[in-house]
């Protein structure tokens, strides 16, 4: 079942700190990013634990660690003068994005939907620099597409939505081709397409993934 599988998330290949560029999923990138402020590494360390639990199908444990991550953030807020990439706003965006996948793993679609709504509210209502907003809008676009797997019962609709998304990525539209994903993340969509017998599309997408540089191996390492 989908709930028993690893849930990873894509991210945009952009400079995060000191000109260093990472190209892996956001939940692996942020914990290993070398940031000058020690507190931020402490804050994000539970994300690694969340990924480890999710990879093993332990979604209730992952949810517990996400909440602890936010407890740390709320008890020890960053100074208002820090830039976005060191801010509590960044921490909240990662929290809500992670929450979508964890809640789906727990079978709580309504909770996942609420997490997506909360993430959108932050992106809409808060002052966020353009590069940060663009990063998380791209992140949220694919997260919402994955959420659709659980919302939409018509597999033909999901297959077509995924096919349209991939065509945009293949065309480099909207910087989607700069996203970086674990290839297993796309397996669930391809399985739906197989059930709909869309073999030509599967071959096309498979060839693209095989040759694209923005897809990593079969799993995300946990740091």
N, C-alpha and C. Protein backbone atom coordinates (compact mmCIF):
# COMPACT_ATOMS: atom_id res chain seq x y z
N UNK A 1 0.84 -1.18 0.00
CA UNK A 1 0.00 0.00 0.00
C UNK A 1 0.87 1.23 0.00
N UNK A 2 0.28 2.37 -0.42
CA UNK A 2 1.06 3.60 -0.44
C UNK A 2 1.54 3.98 0.96
N UNK A 3 0.69 3.75 1.95
CA UNK A 3 1.03 4.19 3.31
C UNK A 3 2.26 3.49 3.85
N UNK A 4 2.55 2.30 3.33
CA UNK A 4 3.69 1.54 3.83
C UNK A 4 4.98 1.89 3.12
N UNK A 5 4.87 2.75 2.09
CA UNK A 5 6.05 3.07 1.31
C UNK A 5 6.73 4.32 1.80
N UNK A 6 7.97 4.47 1.39
CA UNK A 6 8.73 5.64 1.75
C UNK A 6 8.13 6.87 1.09
N UNK A 7 8.00 7.96 1.86
CA UNK A 7 7.47 9.19 1.33
C UNK A 7 8.55 10.25 1.39
N UNK A 8 9.00 10.69 0.24
CA UNK A 8 10.04 11.70 0.18
C UNK A 8 9.54 12.87 -0.62
N UNK A 9 10.22 13.98 -0.50
CA UNK A 9 9.72 15.18 -1.14
C UNK A 9 10.78 15.82 -2.00
N UNK A 10 10.36 16.46 -3.09
CA UNK A 10 11.30 17.11 -3.99
C UNK A 10 11.71 18.47 -3.48
N UNK A 11 12.75 19.01 -4.03
CA UNK A 11 13.16 20.37 -3.69
C UNK A 11 13.85 21.01 -4.88
N UNK A 12 14.11 22.29 -4.75
CA UNK A 12 14.71 23.07 -5.83
C UNK A 12 16.20 23.19 -5.59
N UNK A 13 16.99 23.06 -6.63
CA UNK A 13 18.45 23.15 -6.52
C UNK A 13 18.83 24.63 -6.48
N UNK A 14 18.96 25.20 -5.29
CA UNK A 14 19.30 26.61 -5.16
C UNK A 14 20.36 26.74 -4.09
N UNK A 15 21.11 27.87 -4.09
CA UNK A 15 22.07 28.07 -3.01
C UNK A 15 21.35 28.31 -1.70
N UNK A 16 21.77 27.61 -0.63
CA UNK A 16 21.12 27.77 0.66
C UNK A 16 21.97 28.63 1.59
N UNK A 17 23.26 28.30 1.74
CA UNK A 17 24.13 29.10 2.58
C UNK A 17 25.54 29.13 1.98
N UNK A 18 26.18 30.29 2.05
CA UNK A 18 27.58 30.43 1.68
C UNK A 18 27.89 29.92 0.27
N UNK A 19 26.94 30.04 -0.64
CA UNK A 19 27.17 29.63 -2.01
C UNK A 19 27.20 28.13 -2.22
N UNK A 20 26.94 27.34 -1.16
CA UNK A 20 26.94 25.88 -1.31
C UNK A 20 25.62 25.46 -1.92
N UNK A 21 25.68 24.56 -2.90
CA UNK A 21 24.46 24.10 -3.55
C UNK A 21 24.26 22.62 -3.24
N UNK A 22 23.05 22.29 -2.81
CA UNK A 22 22.70 20.91 -2.52
C UNK A 22 21.63 20.47 -3.51
N UNK A 23 21.66 19.21 -3.85
CA UNK A 23 20.65 18.70 -4.77
C UNK A 23 20.16 17.37 -4.23
N UNK A 24 19.23 17.44 -3.31
CA UNK A 24 18.60 16.26 -2.73
C UNK A 24 17.26 16.69 -2.19
N UNK A 25 16.50 15.77 -1.62
CA UNK A 25 15.18 16.16 -1.13
C UNK A 25 15.33 17.09 0.06
N UNK A 26 14.33 17.94 0.25
CA UNK A 26 14.43 18.99 1.26
C UNK A 26 14.60 18.42 2.65
N UNK A 27 13.99 17.30 2.95
CA UNK A 27 14.05 16.75 4.30
C UNK A 27 15.42 16.17 4.61
N UNK A 28 16.22 15.88 3.58
CA UNK A 28 17.60 15.46 3.79
C UNK A 28 18.55 16.64 3.69
N UNK A 29 18.22 17.63 2.85
CA UNK A 29 19.12 18.74 2.61
C UNK A 29 19.26 19.62 3.84
N UNK A 30 18.13 20.03 4.42
CA UNK A 30 18.18 21.02 5.49
C UNK A 30 18.94 20.53 6.71
N UNK A 31 18.74 19.27 7.18
CA UNK A 31 19.49 18.86 8.36
C UNK A 31 21.00 18.81 8.16
N UNK A 32 21.45 18.59 6.92
CA UNK A 32 22.90 18.47 6.72
C UNK A 32 23.53 19.78 6.23
N UNK A 33 22.71 20.83 6.03
CA UNK A 33 23.26 22.10 5.59
C UNK A 33 24.12 22.71 6.68
N UNK A 34 25.30 23.15 6.31
CA UNK A 34 26.21 23.72 7.29
C UNK A 34 25.88 25.20 7.47
N UNK A 35 25.24 25.52 8.58
CA UNK A 35 24.78 26.87 8.85
C UNK A 35 25.56 27.43 10.04
N UNK A 36 25.87 28.70 9.96
CA UNK A 36 26.74 29.30 10.97
C UNK A 36 26.10 29.35 12.35
N UNK A 37 24.78 29.44 12.43
CA UNK A 37 24.10 29.56 13.72
C UNK A 37 23.81 28.16 14.26
N UNK A 38 24.45 27.73 15.35
CA UNK A 38 24.28 26.37 15.86
C UNK A 38 22.83 26.02 16.15
N UNK A 39 22.03 27.00 16.61
CA UNK A 39 20.66 26.71 17.00
C UNK A 39 19.84 26.14 15.85
N UNK A 40 20.12 26.60 14.63
CA UNK A 40 19.30 26.13 13.52
C UNK A 40 19.53 24.64 13.26
N UNK A 41 20.76 24.17 13.43
CA UNK A 41 21.01 22.75 13.28
C UNK A 41 20.30 21.95 14.35
N UNK A 42 20.26 22.48 15.57
CA UNK A 42 19.54 21.82 16.64
C UNK A 42 18.06 21.75 16.32
N UNK A 43 17.53 22.83 15.80
CA UNK A 43 16.11 22.86 15.49
C UNK A 43 15.75 21.84 14.42
N UNK A 44 16.58 21.71 13.42
CA UNK A 44 16.22 20.85 12.30
C UNK A 44 16.63 19.40 12.49
N UNK A 45 17.36 19.09 13.55
CA UNK A 45 17.78 17.70 13.73
C UNK A 45 16.62 16.73 13.83
N UNK A 46 15.47 17.09 14.44
CA UNK A 46 14.35 16.13 14.46
C UNK A 46 13.80 15.80 13.09
N UNK A 47 14.07 16.66 12.07
CA UNK A 47 13.59 16.32 10.73
C UNK A 47 14.26 15.05 10.24
N UNK A 48 15.55 14.88 10.57
CA UNK A 48 16.24 13.65 10.21
C UNK A 48 15.58 12.45 10.88
N UNK A 49 15.20 12.61 12.15
CA UNK A 49 14.51 11.52 12.85
C UNK A 49 13.17 11.24 12.20
N UNK A 50 12.47 12.31 11.81
CA UNK A 50 11.17 12.13 11.12
C UNK A 50 11.35 11.33 9.84
N UNK A 51 12.41 11.64 9.07
CA UNK A 51 12.66 10.92 7.83
C UNK A 51 12.97 9.46 8.11
N UNK A 52 13.77 9.21 9.16
CA UNK A 52 14.14 7.83 9.49
C UNK A 52 12.90 7.02 9.87
N UNK A 53 12.03 7.60 10.68
CA UNK A 53 10.81 6.89 11.06
C UNK A 53 9.90 6.66 9.86
N UNK A 54 9.74 7.69 9.02
CA UNK A 54 8.87 7.56 7.85
C UNK A 54 9.39 6.50 6.90
N UNK A 55 10.71 6.46 6.72
CA UNK A 55 11.30 5.47 5.82
C UNK A 55 11.00 4.05 6.28
N UNK A 56 10.79 3.88 7.59
CA UNK A 56 10.49 2.56 8.14
C UNK A 56 8.99 2.34 8.31
N UNK A 57 8.19 3.28 7.84
CA UNK A 57 6.74 3.15 7.97
C UNK A 57 6.23 3.48 9.35
N UNK A 58 7.05 4.10 10.18
CA UNK A 58 6.64 4.44 11.55
C UNK A 58 6.14 5.88 11.57
N UNK A 59 4.96 6.08 11.01
CA UNK A 59 4.46 7.43 10.80
C UNK A 59 3.98 8.11 12.08
N UNK A 60 3.47 7.34 13.03
CA UNK A 60 3.05 7.94 14.29
C UNK A 60 4.27 8.48 15.04
N UNK A 61 5.37 7.73 14.99
CA UNK A 61 6.61 8.19 15.61
C UNK A 61 7.15 9.42 14.88
N UNK A 62 7.04 9.42 13.56
CA UNK A 62 7.48 10.58 12.78
C UNK A 62 6.67 11.81 13.15
N UNK A 63 5.37 11.63 13.33
CA UNK A 63 4.50 12.74 13.71
C UNK A 63 4.90 13.28 15.08
N UNK A 64 5.24 12.40 16.00
CA UNK A 64 5.67 12.81 17.34
C UNK A 64 6.92 13.68 17.24
N UNK A 65 7.89 13.27 16.42
CA UNK A 65 9.12 14.03 16.30
C UNK A 65 8.91 15.37 15.60
N UNK A 66 7.99 15.41 14.66
CA UNK A 66 7.68 16.70 14.03
C UNK A 66 7.15 17.68 15.07
N UNK A 67 6.27 17.19 15.94
CA UNK A 67 5.72 18.07 16.97
C UNK A 67 6.81 18.54 17.93
N UNK A 68 7.74 17.64 18.26
CA UNK A 68 8.84 18.04 19.12
C UNK A 68 9.71 19.08 18.45
N UNK A 69 9.91 18.96 17.14
CA UNK A 69 10.67 19.95 16.40
C UNK A 69 10.05 21.33 16.55
N UNK A 70 8.71 21.39 16.43
CA UNK A 70 8.03 22.67 16.55
C UNK A 70 8.05 23.18 17.98
N UNK A 71 8.01 22.28 18.95
CA UNK A 71 8.12 22.70 20.36
C UNK A 71 9.44 23.43 20.59
N UNK A 72 10.52 22.88 20.04
CA UNK A 72 11.83 23.51 20.18
C UNK A 72 11.82 24.89 19.54
N UNK A 73 11.23 24.98 18.37
CA UNK A 73 11.19 26.25 17.64
C UNK A 73 10.41 27.30 18.41
N UNK A 74 9.28 26.90 18.98
CA UNK A 74 8.45 27.86 19.69
C UNK A 74 9.06 28.29 21.02
N UNK A 75 9.77 27.38 21.68
CA UNK A 75 10.39 27.70 22.95
C UNK A 75 11.66 28.53 22.79
N UNK A 76 12.28 28.42 21.61
CA UNK A 76 13.56 29.09 21.37
C UNK A 76 13.51 29.80 20.03
N UNK A 77 12.69 30.84 19.91
CA UNK A 77 12.52 31.50 18.61
C UNK A 77 13.79 32.20 18.14
N UNK A 78 13.95 32.26 16.83
CA UNK A 78 15.07 32.97 16.24
C UNK A 78 14.87 34.48 16.39
N UNK A 79 15.96 35.18 16.36
CA UNK A 79 15.89 36.64 16.37
C UNK A 79 15.24 37.12 15.08
N UNK A 80 14.48 38.18 15.16
CA UNK A 80 13.77 38.69 13.99
C UNK A 80 14.71 39.23 12.91
N UNK A 81 15.97 39.45 13.26
CA UNK A 81 16.91 40.01 12.29
C UNK A 81 17.53 38.96 11.37
N UNK A 82 17.34 37.66 11.66
CA UNK A 82 17.98 36.64 10.82
C UNK A 82 17.32 36.60 9.46
N UNK A 83 18.06 36.13 8.46
CA UNK A 83 17.48 36.05 7.12
C UNK A 83 16.54 34.84 7.02
N UNK A 84 15.83 34.77 5.92
CA UNK A 84 14.79 33.75 5.77
C UNK A 84 15.32 32.34 5.96
N UNK A 85 16.51 32.05 5.42
CA UNK A 85 17.04 30.69 5.44
C UNK A 85 17.50 30.27 6.84
N UNK A 86 17.50 31.20 7.78
CA UNK A 86 17.80 30.87 9.18
C UNK A 86 16.59 31.11 10.08
N UNK A 87 15.42 31.28 9.50
CA UNK A 87 14.27 31.78 10.26
C UNK A 87 13.33 30.68 10.74
N UNK A 88 12.48 31.06 11.68
CA UNK A 88 11.42 30.17 12.14
C UNK A 88 10.37 29.95 11.06
N UNK A 89 10.21 30.92 10.17
CA UNK A 89 9.27 30.74 9.06
C UNK A 89 9.70 29.58 8.18
N UNK A 90 11.00 29.47 7.90
CA UNK A 90 11.50 28.32 7.15
C UNK A 90 11.19 27.03 7.90
N UNK A 91 11.41 27.04 9.20
CA UNK A 91 11.15 25.85 10.01
C UNK A 91 9.68 25.43 9.92
N UNK A 92 8.78 26.41 9.96
CA UNK A 92 7.35 26.11 9.87
C UNK A 92 6.98 25.54 8.51
N UNK A 93 7.56 26.09 7.46
CA UNK A 93 7.25 25.58 6.11
C UNK A 93 7.69 24.14 5.96
N UNK A 94 8.89 23.81 6.46
CA UNK A 94 9.36 22.43 6.41
C UNK A 94 8.45 21.54 7.25
N UNK A 95 8.04 22.04 8.40
CA UNK A 95 7.15 21.29 9.29
C UNK A 95 5.84 20.92 8.60
N UNK A 96 5.17 21.91 8.01
CA UNK A 96 3.87 21.64 7.39
C UNK A 96 4.01 20.78 6.13
N UNK A 97 5.07 20.99 5.37
CA UNK A 97 5.29 20.15 4.19
C UNK A 97 5.53 18.70 4.61
N UNK A 98 6.35 18.48 5.63
CA UNK A 98 6.59 17.13 6.14
C UNK A 98 5.31 16.52 6.68
N UNK A 99 4.50 17.36 7.30
CA UNK A 99 3.27 16.89 7.94
C UNK A 99 2.32 16.26 6.92
N UNK A 100 2.31 16.79 5.71
CA UNK A 100 1.44 16.22 4.67
C UNK A 100 1.76 14.75 4.46
N UNK A 101 3.04 14.42 4.29
CA UNK A 101 3.45 13.05 4.01
C UNK A 101 3.23 12.14 5.22
N UNK A 102 3.54 12.65 6.40
CA UNK A 102 3.37 11.86 7.61
C UNK A 102 1.90 11.55 7.85
N UNK A 103 1.06 12.55 7.72
CA UNK A 103 -0.38 12.34 7.93
C UNK A 103 -0.96 11.36 6.91
N UNK A 104 -0.50 11.42 5.69
CA UNK A 104 -0.96 10.45 4.69
C UNK A 104 -0.52 9.05 5.08
N UNK A 105 0.70 8.93 5.59
CA UNK A 105 1.18 7.63 6.05
C UNK A 105 0.35 7.09 7.21
N UNK A 106 -0.20 7.99 8.03
CA UNK A 106 -1.04 7.60 9.15
C UNK A 106 -2.47 7.32 8.72
N UNK A 107 -2.78 7.59 7.44
CA UNK A 107 -4.15 7.41 6.96
C UNK A 107 -5.05 8.59 7.27
N UNK A 108 -4.47 9.71 7.66
CA UNK A 108 -5.23 10.90 8.03
C UNK A 108 -5.19 11.90 6.88
N UNK A 109 -6.06 11.71 5.90
CA UNK A 109 -6.08 12.59 4.74
C UNK A 109 -6.50 14.00 5.13
N UNK A 110 -7.46 14.11 6.04
CA UNK A 110 -7.91 15.44 6.47
C UNK A 110 -6.76 16.20 7.14
N UNK A 111 -5.96 15.51 7.94
CA UNK A 111 -4.80 16.16 8.56
C UNK A 111 -3.79 16.61 7.54
N UNK A 112 -3.58 15.81 6.49
CA UNK A 112 -2.67 16.19 5.42
C UNK A 112 -3.19 17.41 4.68
N UNK A 113 -4.48 17.43 4.43
CA UNK A 113 -5.08 18.57 3.74
C UNK A 113 -4.93 19.84 4.57
N UNK A 114 -5.11 19.73 5.88
CA UNK A 114 -4.98 20.91 6.75
C UNK A 114 -3.54 21.40 6.76
N UNK A 115 -2.58 20.48 6.77
CA UNK A 115 -1.17 20.88 6.74
C UNK A 115 -0.86 21.64 5.46
N UNK A 116 -1.43 21.19 4.34
CA UNK A 116 -1.23 21.88 3.07
C UNK A 116 -1.83 23.28 3.12
N UNK A 117 -3.00 23.41 3.73
CA UNK A 117 -3.65 24.72 3.87
C UNK A 117 -2.80 25.64 4.74
N UNK A 118 -2.28 25.11 5.84
CA UNK A 118 -1.45 25.91 6.74
C UNK A 118 -0.17 26.38 6.05
N UNK A 119 0.42 25.52 5.24
CA UNK A 119 1.62 25.90 4.49
C UNK A 119 1.31 27.01 3.51
N UNK A 120 0.17 26.90 2.82
CA UNK A 120 -0.22 27.93 1.86
C UNK A 120 -0.46 29.27 2.55
N UNK A 121 -1.03 29.23 3.76
CA UNK A 121 -1.29 30.46 4.50
C UNK A 121 0.01 31.20 4.79
N UNK A 122 1.06 30.46 5.16
CA UNK A 122 2.35 31.09 5.43
C UNK A 122 2.90 31.73 4.16
N UNK A 123 2.81 31.00 3.06
CA UNK A 123 3.34 31.51 1.79
C UNK A 123 2.57 32.74 1.32
N UNK A 124 1.30 32.82 1.67
CA UNK A 124 0.44 33.92 1.21
C UNK A 124 0.53 35.13 2.12
N UNK A 125 0.59 34.90 3.43
CA UNK A 125 0.40 35.98 4.39
C UNK A 125 1.69 36.59 4.93
N UNK A 126 2.79 35.88 4.86
CA UNK A 126 4.01 36.40 5.46
C UNK A 126 4.95 37.01 4.43
N UNK A 127 5.80 37.89 4.91
CA UNK A 127 6.82 38.48 4.04
C UNK A 127 7.96 37.48 3.88
N UNK A 128 8.10 36.96 2.69
CA UNK A 128 9.13 35.96 2.38
C UNK A 128 9.88 36.45 1.15
N UNK A 129 11.19 36.39 1.15
CA UNK A 129 11.95 36.82 -0.05
C UNK A 129 11.57 35.98 -1.26
N UNK A 130 11.71 36.56 -2.42
CA UNK A 130 11.22 35.92 -3.63
C UNK A 130 11.84 34.55 -3.88
N UNK A 131 13.15 34.41 -3.61
CA UNK A 131 13.77 33.11 -3.85
C UNK A 131 13.21 32.05 -2.89
N UNK A 132 12.94 32.45 -1.66
CA UNK A 132 12.34 31.52 -0.71
C UNK A 132 10.92 31.15 -1.08
N UNK A 133 10.15 32.13 -1.51
CA UNK A 133 8.77 31.85 -1.92
C UNK A 133 8.75 30.92 -3.13
N UNK A 134 9.61 31.19 -4.11
CA UNK A 134 9.66 30.35 -5.31
C UNK A 134 10.05 28.92 -4.96
N UNK A 135 11.02 28.78 -4.05
CA UNK A 135 11.45 27.45 -3.61
C UNK A 135 10.28 26.65 -3.06
N UNK A 136 9.54 27.24 -2.13
CA UNK A 136 8.49 26.49 -1.45
C UNK A 136 7.22 26.38 -2.28
N UNK A 137 7.00 27.28 -3.21
CA UNK A 137 5.86 27.11 -4.12
C UNK A 137 6.08 25.89 -5.02
N UNK A 138 7.32 25.72 -5.51
CA UNK A 138 7.64 24.53 -6.29
C UNK A 138 7.55 23.28 -5.43
N UNK A 139 8.05 23.40 -4.21
CA UNK A 139 7.96 22.28 -3.28
C UNK A 139 6.51 21.88 -3.05
N UNK A 140 5.67 22.88 -2.81
CA UNK A 140 4.26 22.62 -2.50
C UNK A 140 3.50 22.09 -3.71
N UNK A 141 3.91 22.52 -4.88
CA UNK A 141 3.22 22.04 -6.09
C UNK A 141 3.28 20.52 -6.19
N UNK A 142 4.47 19.97 -5.95
CA UNK A 142 4.56 18.52 -6.05
C UNK A 142 3.94 17.82 -4.85
N UNK A 143 4.08 18.42 -3.67
CA UNK A 143 3.44 17.85 -2.48
C UNK A 143 1.93 17.77 -2.68
N UNK A 144 1.34 18.81 -3.24
CA UNK A 144 -0.10 18.80 -3.50
C UNK A 144 -0.46 17.76 -4.56
N UNK A 145 0.41 17.57 -5.54
CA UNK A 145 0.15 16.54 -6.54
C UNK A 145 0.14 15.16 -5.88
N UNK A 146 1.07 14.94 -4.94
CA UNK A 146 1.08 13.67 -4.23
C UNK A 146 -0.16 13.51 -3.36
N UNK A 147 -0.59 14.59 -2.74
CA UNK A 147 -1.82 14.56 -1.94
C UNK A 147 -3.01 14.15 -2.79
N UNK A 148 -2.99 14.53 -4.04
CA UNK A 148 -4.09 14.19 -4.94
C UNK A 148 -4.23 12.66 -5.12
N UNK A 149 -3.15 11.93 -4.94
CA UNK A 149 -3.22 10.47 -5.01
C UNK A 149 -4.21 9.91 -4.01
N UNK A 150 -4.36 10.61 -2.90
CA UNK A 150 -5.25 10.15 -1.83
C UNK A 150 -6.62 10.81 -1.88
N UNK A 151 -6.70 11.94 -2.57
CA UNK A 151 -7.98 12.65 -2.66
C UNK A 151 -8.81 12.19 -3.85
N UNK A 152 -8.15 11.91 -4.94
CA UNK A 152 -8.84 11.60 -6.19
C UNK A 152 -8.95 10.09 -6.37
N UNK A 153 -10.16 9.59 -6.40
CA UNK A 153 -10.38 8.15 -6.54
C UNK A 153 -10.33 7.69 -7.99
N UNK A 154 -10.49 8.62 -8.91
CA UNK A 154 -10.47 8.27 -10.33
C UNK A 154 -9.02 8.19 -10.80
N UNK A 155 -8.52 6.98 -11.02
CA UNK A 155 -7.12 6.79 -11.39
C UNK A 155 -6.80 7.41 -12.74
N UNK A 156 -7.77 7.46 -13.61
CA UNK A 156 -7.52 8.06 -14.92
C UNK A 156 -7.21 9.55 -14.78
N UNK A 157 -7.88 10.20 -13.84
CA UNK A 157 -7.64 11.63 -13.61
C UNK A 157 -6.24 11.84 -13.06
N UNK A 158 -5.85 11.02 -12.08
CA UNK A 158 -4.51 11.13 -11.49
C UNK A 158 -3.44 10.88 -12.55
N UNK A 159 -3.65 9.85 -13.37
CA UNK A 159 -2.68 9.54 -14.42
C UNK A 159 -2.49 10.72 -15.36
N UNK A 160 -3.58 11.39 -15.71
CA UNK A 160 -3.49 12.52 -16.62
C UNK A 160 -2.84 13.72 -15.95
N UNK A 161 -3.14 13.96 -14.67
CA UNK A 161 -2.51 15.07 -13.96
C UNK A 161 -1.00 14.86 -13.85
N UNK A 162 -0.60 13.65 -13.54
CA UNK A 162 0.82 13.35 -13.45
C UNK A 162 1.49 13.48 -14.81
N UNK A 163 0.82 12.99 -15.86
CA UNK A 163 1.38 13.09 -17.21
C UNK A 163 1.56 14.55 -17.60
N UNK A 164 0.59 15.39 -17.26
CA UNK A 164 0.70 16.82 -17.58
C UNK A 164 1.84 17.47 -16.82
N UNK A 165 1.99 17.09 -15.55
CA UNK A 165 3.09 17.62 -14.74
C UNK A 165 4.44 17.24 -15.34
N UNK A 166 4.57 15.97 -15.75
CA UNK A 166 5.82 15.51 -16.32
C UNK A 166 6.13 16.18 -17.65
N UNK A 167 5.12 16.44 -18.45
CA UNK A 167 5.35 17.13 -19.72
C UNK A 167 5.90 18.53 -19.47
N UNK A 168 5.39 19.20 -18.43
CA UNK A 168 5.91 20.52 -18.08
C UNK A 168 7.35 20.43 -17.59
N UNK A 169 7.64 19.39 -16.82
CA UNK A 169 9.01 19.20 -16.35
C UNK A 169 9.94 18.91 -17.52
N UNK A 170 9.51 18.06 -18.43
CA UNK A 170 10.33 17.72 -19.59
C UNK A 170 10.62 18.94 -20.45
N UNK A 171 9.65 19.88 -20.47
CA UNK A 171 9.82 21.09 -21.27
C UNK A 171 10.60 22.17 -20.52
N UNK A 172 10.93 21.90 -19.24
CA UNK A 172 11.64 22.89 -18.44
C UNK A 172 10.78 24.06 -18.03
N UNK A 173 9.45 23.88 -18.08
CA UNK A 173 8.53 24.97 -17.77
C UNK A 173 8.50 25.24 -16.26
N UNK A 174 8.55 26.52 -15.89
CA UNK A 174 8.42 26.90 -14.50
C UNK A 174 9.50 26.37 -13.60
N UNK A 175 10.67 26.09 -14.15
CA UNK A 175 11.82 25.61 -13.38
C UNK A 175 11.59 24.26 -12.72
N UNK A 176 10.58 23.51 -13.20
CA UNK A 176 10.35 22.19 -12.61
C UNK A 176 11.52 21.25 -12.86
N UNK A 177 12.24 21.49 -13.96
CA UNK A 177 13.36 20.62 -14.26
C UNK A 177 14.54 20.88 -13.33
N UNK A 178 14.45 21.90 -12.47
CA UNK A 178 15.50 22.14 -11.48
C UNK A 178 15.18 21.47 -10.15
N UNK A 179 14.00 20.87 -10.04
CA UNK A 179 13.66 20.13 -8.84
C UNK A 179 14.49 18.86 -8.76
N UNK A 180 14.72 18.38 -7.56
CA UNK A 180 15.45 17.13 -7.38
C UNK A 180 14.61 16.17 -6.55
N UNK A 181 14.43 14.95 -7.06
CA UNK A 181 13.55 13.98 -6.42
C UNK A 181 14.24 12.63 -6.24
N UNK A 182 13.81 11.90 -5.22
CA UNK A 182 14.14 10.48 -5.14
C UNK A 182 13.26 9.78 -6.18
N UNK A 183 13.86 8.93 -6.99
CA UNK A 183 13.12 8.34 -8.10
C UNK A 183 11.97 7.47 -7.61
N UNK A 184 12.10 6.90 -6.40
CA UNK A 184 11.02 6.03 -5.90
C UNK A 184 9.75 6.82 -5.68
N UNK A 185 9.88 8.13 -5.49
CA UNK A 185 8.72 8.97 -5.26
C UNK A 185 7.76 8.93 -6.44
N UNK A 186 8.32 8.74 -7.64
CA UNK A 186 7.49 8.73 -8.84
C UNK A 186 6.92 7.35 -9.13
N UNK A 187 7.39 6.34 -8.42
CA UNK A 187 6.93 4.98 -8.68
C UNK A 187 5.44 4.81 -8.47
N UNK A 188 4.89 5.50 -7.47
CA UNK A 188 3.47 5.37 -7.19
C UNK A 188 2.62 5.95 -8.33
N UNK A 189 3.09 7.05 -8.90
CA UNK A 189 2.38 7.62 -10.04
C UNK A 189 2.47 6.70 -11.25
N UNK A 190 3.64 6.15 -11.49
CA UNK A 190 3.82 5.25 -12.63
C UNK A 190 2.99 3.98 -12.46
N UNK A 191 2.82 3.54 -11.22
CA UNK A 191 1.97 2.37 -10.98
C UNK A 191 0.53 2.66 -11.37
N UNK A 192 0.06 3.87 -11.04
CA UNK A 192 -1.29 4.27 -11.43
C UNK A 192 -1.41 4.30 -12.95
N UNK A 193 -0.39 4.82 -13.61
CA UNK A 193 -0.42 4.87 -15.07
C UNK A 193 -0.42 3.46 -15.67
N UNK A 194 0.29 2.55 -15.03
CA UNK A 194 0.29 1.16 -15.50
C UNK A 194 -1.09 0.54 -15.37
N UNK A 195 -1.78 0.86 -14.28
CA UNK A 195 -3.12 0.34 -14.10
C UNK A 195 -4.08 0.88 -15.14
N UNK A 196 -3.75 2.06 -15.66
CA UNK A 196 -4.55 2.65 -16.73
C UNK A 196 -4.02 2.27 -18.12
N UNK A 197 -2.97 1.44 -18.15
CA UNK A 197 -2.37 0.94 -19.38
C UNK A 197 -1.88 2.06 -20.30
N UNK A 198 -1.25 3.05 -19.70
CA UNK A 198 -0.70 4.15 -20.48
C UNK A 198 0.79 3.87 -20.73
N UNK A 199 1.04 2.83 -21.49
CA UNK A 199 2.39 2.32 -21.67
C UNK A 199 3.31 3.30 -22.40
N UNK A 200 2.80 3.97 -23.42
CA UNK A 200 3.63 4.93 -24.15
C UNK A 200 4.11 6.06 -23.25
N UNK A 201 3.19 6.54 -22.40
CA UNK A 201 3.55 7.61 -21.48
C UNK A 201 4.57 7.12 -20.44
N UNK A 202 4.38 5.89 -19.98
CA UNK A 202 5.31 5.32 -19.00
C UNK A 202 6.72 5.22 -19.60
N UNK A 203 6.80 4.76 -20.83
CA UNK A 203 8.11 4.65 -21.50
C UNK A 203 8.74 6.02 -21.66
N UNK A 204 7.93 7.00 -22.09
CA UNK A 204 8.45 8.36 -22.27
C UNK A 204 8.98 8.93 -20.96
N UNK A 205 8.18 8.81 -19.91
CA UNK A 205 8.57 9.35 -18.60
C UNK A 205 9.78 8.59 -18.06
N UNK A 206 9.77 7.28 -18.21
CA UNK A 206 10.90 6.47 -17.75
C UNK A 206 12.20 6.86 -18.41
N UNK A 207 12.15 7.10 -19.71
CA UNK A 207 13.35 7.52 -20.43
C UNK A 207 13.82 8.90 -19.96
N UNK A 208 12.86 9.77 -19.67
CA UNK A 208 13.23 11.10 -19.18
C UNK A 208 13.91 11.00 -17.82
N UNK A 209 13.30 10.24 -16.91
CA UNK A 209 13.87 10.08 -15.57
C UNK A 209 15.27 9.45 -15.65
N UNK A 210 15.41 8.46 -16.52
CA UNK A 210 16.69 7.76 -16.65
C UNK A 210 17.80 8.72 -17.06
N UNK A 211 17.49 9.68 -17.91
CA UNK A 211 18.51 10.56 -18.46
C UNK A 211 18.60 11.91 -17.75
N UNK A 212 17.62 12.23 -16.92
CA UNK A 212 17.62 13.53 -16.24
C UNK A 212 18.59 13.53 -15.07
N UNK A 213 19.13 14.70 -14.77
CA UNK A 213 20.08 14.82 -13.67
C UNK A 213 19.39 15.17 -12.35
N UNK A 214 18.09 15.45 -12.41
CA UNK A 214 17.41 15.89 -11.19
C UNK A 214 16.64 14.76 -10.49
N UNK A 215 17.08 13.50 -10.71
CA UNK A 215 16.50 12.37 -10.01
C UNK A 215 17.64 11.58 -9.37
N UNK A 216 17.48 11.34 -8.06
CA UNK A 216 18.50 10.60 -7.33
C UNK A 216 18.13 9.13 -7.30
N UNK A 217 18.82 8.35 -6.44
CA UNK A 217 18.66 6.91 -6.41
C UNK A 217 17.35 6.45 -5.80
N UNK A 218 17.34 5.20 -5.38
CA UNK A 218 16.08 4.58 -4.96
C UNK A 218 15.64 4.98 -3.57
N UNK A 219 16.51 5.65 -2.81
CA UNK A 219 16.10 6.09 -1.48
C UNK A 219 16.90 7.31 -1.08
N UNK A 220 16.37 8.04 -0.09
CA UNK A 220 17.08 9.20 0.45
C UNK A 220 17.84 8.80 1.69
N UNK A 221 19.14 9.06 1.75
CA UNK A 221 19.86 8.76 2.98
C UNK A 221 19.39 9.69 4.10
N UNK A 222 19.42 9.22 5.32
CA UNK A 222 19.05 10.03 6.46
C UNK A 222 20.32 10.42 7.20
N UNK A 223 20.54 11.71 7.39
CA UNK A 223 21.79 12.19 7.99
C UNK A 223 21.59 12.42 9.48
